[in-house]
N, C-alpha and C. Protein backbone atom coordinates (compact mmCIF):
# COMPACT_ATOMS: atom_id res chain seq x y z
N SER A 1 0.81 -1.24 0.03
CA SER A 1 0.05 0.01 0.01
C SER A 1 0.94 1.28 -0.02
N GLU A 2 0.42 2.35 -0.48
CA GLU A 2 1.11 3.48 -0.52
C GLU A 2 0.82 4.44 0.56
N ASP A 3 1.86 5.17 1.23
CA ASP A 3 1.49 5.83 2.44
C ASP A 3 2.56 7.05 2.40
N VAL A 4 2.43 7.93 3.36
CA VAL A 4 3.55 9.05 3.67
C VAL A 4 4.09 8.63 4.98
N LEU A 5 5.45 8.72 4.94
CA LEU A 5 6.20 8.35 6.21
C LEU A 5 6.04 9.35 7.21
N SER A 6 5.68 8.99 8.35
CA SER A 6 5.34 9.93 9.57
C SER A 6 6.68 10.22 10.44
N LYS A 7 7.59 9.45 10.18
CA LYS A 7 8.88 9.71 10.94
C LYS A 7 10.00 9.08 10.07
N ASP A 8 11.33 9.48 10.14
CA ASP A 8 12.44 8.94 9.66
C ASP A 8 12.51 7.54 9.92
N ALA A 9 13.00 6.69 8.96
CA ALA A 9 12.98 5.11 9.11
C ALA A 9 14.08 4.47 8.73
N GLY A 10 15.25 5.15 8.72
CA GLY A 10 16.41 4.47 8.25
C GLY A 10 16.73 4.51 6.80
N GLU A 11 17.36 3.31 6.36
CA GLU A 11 17.82 3.39 4.85
C GLU A 11 16.88 2.54 4.14
N CYS A 12 16.63 3.07 2.72
CA CYS A 12 15.89 2.11 1.94
C CYS A 12 16.88 1.06 1.40
N ALA A 13 16.42 -0.21 1.30
CA ALA A 13 17.29 -1.33 1.02
C ALA A 13 17.68 -1.32 -0.46
N ILE A 14 16.75 -0.72 -1.22
CA ILE A 14 17.06 -0.65 -2.80
C ILE A 14 18.07 0.46 -3.21
N CYS A 15 17.76 1.72 -2.80
CA CYS A 15 18.68 2.78 -3.34
C CYS A 15 19.65 3.26 -2.13
N LEU A 16 19.60 2.80 -1.02
CA LEU A 16 20.30 3.21 0.27
C LEU A 16 20.36 4.58 0.52
N GLU A 17 19.29 5.28 0.15
CA GLU A 17 19.11 6.58 0.63
C GLU A 17 18.21 6.52 1.86
N GLU A 18 18.27 7.60 2.61
CA GLU A 18 17.45 7.62 3.94
C GLU A 18 16.03 7.72 3.65
N LEU A 19 15.17 6.97 4.30
CA LEU A 19 13.86 7.13 4.41
C LEU A 19 13.45 8.23 5.26
N GLN A 20 12.85 9.32 4.90
CA GLN A 20 12.77 10.51 5.70
C GLN A 20 11.21 10.85 5.82
N GLN A 21 10.96 11.57 6.96
CA GLN A 21 9.52 11.96 7.19
C GLN A 21 9.07 12.68 5.86
N GLY A 22 7.78 12.42 5.56
CA GLY A 22 7.22 13.07 4.48
C GLY A 22 7.43 12.41 3.23
N ASP A 23 8.34 11.38 3.07
CA ASP A 23 8.54 10.68 1.77
C ASP A 23 7.34 9.73 1.60
N THR A 24 6.95 9.61 0.31
CA THR A 24 5.95 8.70 -0.12
C THR A 24 6.62 7.31 -0.24
N ILE A 25 5.93 6.30 0.45
CA ILE A 25 6.49 5.01 0.54
C ILE A 25 5.53 4.01 0.21
N ALA A 26 6.03 2.79 -0.17
CA ALA A 26 5.19 1.61 -0.27
C ALA A 26 5.48 0.70 0.83
N ARG A 27 4.39 0.23 1.37
CA ARG A 27 4.50 -0.77 2.54
C ARG A 27 3.89 -2.01 2.01
N LEU A 28 4.94 -3.07 1.98
CA LEU A 28 4.62 -4.45 1.50
C LEU A 28 3.82 -5.15 2.56
N PRO A 29 3.16 -6.41 2.29
CA PRO A 29 2.58 -7.24 3.16
C PRO A 29 3.53 -7.73 4.35
N CYS A 30 4.85 -7.77 4.13
CA CYS A 30 5.83 -8.24 5.17
C CYS A 30 6.16 -6.95 5.97
N LEU A 31 5.56 -5.87 5.74
CA LEU A 31 5.75 -4.64 6.44
C LEU A 31 7.13 -3.86 6.18
N CYS A 32 7.82 -4.31 5.14
CA CYS A 32 9.00 -3.53 4.74
C CYS A 32 8.58 -2.29 4.08
N ILE A 33 9.39 -1.31 4.13
CA ILE A 33 8.95 -0.02 3.35
C ILE A 33 10.12 0.40 2.38
N TYR A 34 9.71 1.00 1.38
CA TYR A 34 10.66 1.52 0.30
C TYR A 34 10.11 2.82 -0.27
N HIS A 35 10.90 3.54 -1.00
CA HIS A 35 10.36 4.77 -1.59
C HIS A 35 9.45 4.40 -2.80
N LYS A 36 8.54 5.29 -2.94
CA LYS A 36 7.42 5.11 -3.95
C LYS A 36 7.20 6.51 -4.57
N GLY A 37 6.95 6.51 -5.83
CA GLY A 37 6.86 7.73 -6.59
C GLY A 37 8.07 8.49 -6.68
N GLN A 38 8.02 9.73 -6.81
CA GLN A 38 9.24 10.56 -7.24
C GLN A 38 10.07 10.81 -5.69
N VAL A 39 11.43 10.59 -5.86
CA VAL A 39 12.17 10.73 -4.83
C VAL A 39 13.15 11.86 -5.04
N PHE A 40 13.23 12.85 -4.19
CA PHE A 40 14.07 13.91 -4.36
C PHE A 40 15.46 13.74 -3.83
N LEU A 41 16.45 13.71 -4.77
CA LEU A 41 17.85 13.51 -4.33
C LEU A 41 18.73 14.64 -4.19
N GLY A 42 18.28 15.78 -4.43
CA GLY A 42 19.00 16.99 -4.31
C GLY A 42 19.06 17.90 -5.57
N MET A 43 20.18 18.50 -5.63
CA MET A 43 20.31 19.46 -6.92
C MET A 43 21.49 19.11 -7.69
N ASP A 44 21.31 19.22 -8.91
CA ASP A 44 22.54 18.76 -9.84
C ASP A 44 23.41 20.04 -10.10
N ILE A 45 24.38 19.83 -10.93
CA ILE A 45 25.36 20.95 -11.07
C ILE A 45 24.83 22.28 -11.53
N LYS A 46 23.59 22.05 -12.30
CA LYS A 46 23.12 23.35 -12.84
C LYS A 46 21.88 23.88 -11.89
N TYR A 47 21.91 23.25 -10.59
CA TYR A 47 20.93 23.70 -9.49
C TYR A 47 19.50 23.25 -10.01
N GLU A 48 19.35 22.19 -10.70
CA GLU A 48 18.06 21.60 -11.05
C GLU A 48 17.79 20.47 -10.14
N LYS A 49 16.55 20.32 -9.78
CA LYS A 49 16.25 19.22 -8.88
C LYS A 49 16.45 17.81 -9.55
N VAL A 50 17.04 16.91 -8.84
CA VAL A 50 17.19 15.57 -9.26
C VAL A 50 16.23 14.51 -8.57
N ALA A 51 15.52 13.82 -9.33
CA ALA A 51 14.62 12.94 -8.82
C ALA A 51 14.52 11.69 -9.60
N PHE A 52 14.01 10.56 -9.14
CA PHE A 52 13.88 9.31 -9.84
C PHE A 52 12.57 8.66 -9.51
N THR A 53 12.20 7.68 -10.32
CA THR A 53 11.05 6.93 -10.12
C THR A 53 11.20 6.08 -8.72
N GLY A 54 10.13 5.89 -7.97
CA GLY A 54 10.39 5.21 -6.74
C GLY A 54 11.12 3.88 -6.94
N CYS A 55 11.86 3.54 -5.78
CA CYS A 55 12.72 2.30 -5.84
C CYS A 55 11.84 1.15 -6.07
N ILE A 56 10.75 0.91 -5.22
CA ILE A 56 9.98 -0.33 -5.36
C ILE A 56 9.37 -0.32 -6.68
N ASP A 57 8.95 0.77 -7.42
CA ASP A 57 8.30 0.65 -8.69
C ASP A 57 9.22 -0.07 -9.61
N GLU A 58 10.54 0.39 -9.63
CA GLU A 58 11.50 -0.15 -10.50
C GLU A 58 11.80 -1.64 -10.09
N TRP A 59 12.00 -1.87 -8.76
CA TRP A 59 12.30 -3.09 -8.45
C TRP A 59 11.30 -4.18 -8.98
N PHE A 60 9.88 -3.86 -8.84
CA PHE A 60 8.88 -4.75 -9.35
C PHE A 60 8.84 -4.83 -10.81
N GLU A 61 9.48 -4.08 -11.58
CA GLU A 61 9.54 -4.24 -13.00
C GLU A 61 10.21 -5.53 -13.28
N VAL A 62 11.23 -5.93 -12.58
CA VAL A 62 11.83 -7.14 -12.89
C VAL A 62 11.83 -8.26 -11.82
N ASN A 63 11.27 -7.97 -10.54
CA ASN A 63 11.22 -8.81 -9.47
C ASN A 63 9.82 -9.00 -9.09
N ARG A 64 9.52 -10.08 -8.27
CA ARG A 64 8.17 -10.27 -7.75
C ARG A 64 8.09 -10.50 -6.30
N SER A 65 9.07 -10.04 -5.59
CA SER A 65 9.21 -10.39 -4.21
C SER A 65 9.76 -9.33 -3.54
N CYS A 66 9.74 -9.15 -2.29
CA CYS A 66 10.42 -8.05 -1.34
C CYS A 66 11.76 -8.33 -1.45
N PRO A 67 12.58 -7.14 -1.68
CA PRO A 67 14.15 -7.29 -1.71
C PRO A 67 14.84 -7.94 -0.59
N GLU A 68 14.08 -7.79 0.60
CA GLU A 68 14.79 -8.24 1.92
C GLU A 68 14.11 -9.58 2.20
N HIS A 69 13.02 -9.98 1.66
CA HIS A 69 12.37 -11.41 1.94
C HIS A 69 12.08 -12.05 0.64
N PRO A 70 13.08 -12.47 -0.16
CA PRO A 70 12.81 -13.01 -1.51
C PRO A 70 12.01 -14.33 -1.64
N SER A 71 12.05 -15.05 -0.38
CA SER A 71 11.36 -16.26 -0.32
C SER A 71 9.91 -16.22 0.00
N ASP A 72 9.39 -14.97 0.33
CA ASP A 72 8.03 -14.63 0.80
C ASP A 72 7.09 -14.59 -0.42
């Protein structure tokens, strides 16, 4: 399910960026959470915002299980 993170929650196991309060996340049935939707990474050399598609969206394009619980 999709949700907004209410407090910082450590590191995303896919991109290794911090899961921060206010990030849009996906919560899997195993209760693991990952970035969902656009993730703001900062500014590039031209001072333009850098973002990418949510980690779990890209993961599920090629995988069918949780990155941390592949046997589930």
